[in-house]
Amino acid sequence: MSELGQPAGAQARLSPRLVREPHESLLCLRGDVRAVELLASFARLKKWTSPCYSRYWHTSEDTALRDLQYLQRLGVLGCLQGRIHGRGGREPDIYFLTRLGAGVLTRHLGLGPDSYIQAPTVALDEGEVTKGGLLKHKVAAKPGQDAHDLARLRLAVRYGWLDREGWETRSAIRYRTGRDAPALLVPDFCHRSEEELWCVEVEGTTKPEHIRTKHARHRAMSSYRRRLKGSSYRVYLTVVFTSTEVRRQVLRLHMRAFAAGELRYGLDWAELEEALAVGPAGGLDEVCTAVDYRELRERRREYASWLLR
């Protein structure tokens, strides 16, 4: 397979010439300003499906699919076949940035070397050419990551976070630990103001260490920002579980990790499908369940006392 058509695995930068020619062709020769605008949707979320694309651009799914396939024909997007369910159903195909697409988008946005857009690793196979002449991959490199990214996509599109003022997607929040060492927290979404910071994390993992680390970082970041901005500053974390099964497996782990240290931030949680069922006007708070830090601490103390009897 050619360098430009390969799955987005290798992250070596493309030469300026390979990026410049299709970018100029896209903008000048073909006059496809709309195509570049559509491609810019992949700057923050690098994987899309036609249903989410349709909702985001307020168009029909047929139009959304034609737009995505047009960008694919230009070589800036790749396509991974949606997972097939045991009962015969199939999830929507995933469209993702290729290395060429990442290079064109980086050039178009005028980004420097430090903020160069990288293509995601999505497919492992060489792909097969469909009847329509488009290449479609069928072997996912990271199915778990795809599921997380698509849950994040659905949530962002549903609540309009990609365009709503104050909301950021995968933005780095810098802070310093108790030893004054620089650290970084990158939540899925966050909303900042002078008085508070609200972080939203889509949770599909069941690994205890991952969960403990997540809360330790939020606690340290919250402590730092309150030192910086004053004790009235508030940090909130909302965990959105990708399924009821995930919530059942790890909710207690989240609560224990939350109660392990001092009260530095607020915590609540929701399930993805419930969050998607409410309208944006209602807000995510409508389906969130708050976790009472003091009640958790009291339970832990009572349990510890019982063990010592």
Foldseek 3Di string as FASTA:
>chain_A
DDPLQAFQDDFDADDPVLQVVLLCCCCPVVVPPVLLVLLLVCLQQFKDFLVLQCLQVVHDSVVSVVSLVVVQVSSQKAWEFFDADPVGDGDTIIIGGHSSNQSNNCVVVVHDPVSRGGTDRFADDRADQDPVRGGYGYHTPCVLVVLQSVLLSLLCSQQVLVPDPQKDAQDWDWFAAPVRHIDIDGARMWGDDLAEIEGEHEDADLDLVVLLVNLVVVQRSLVRVCVVRHVRRAYEYEYEYADPVSCVRCVVSNLCSCLVDDPRHWYKYAYSVVQSPDHSVVPSVVGIDTDDNVVSNVVVVVVVVVVVD
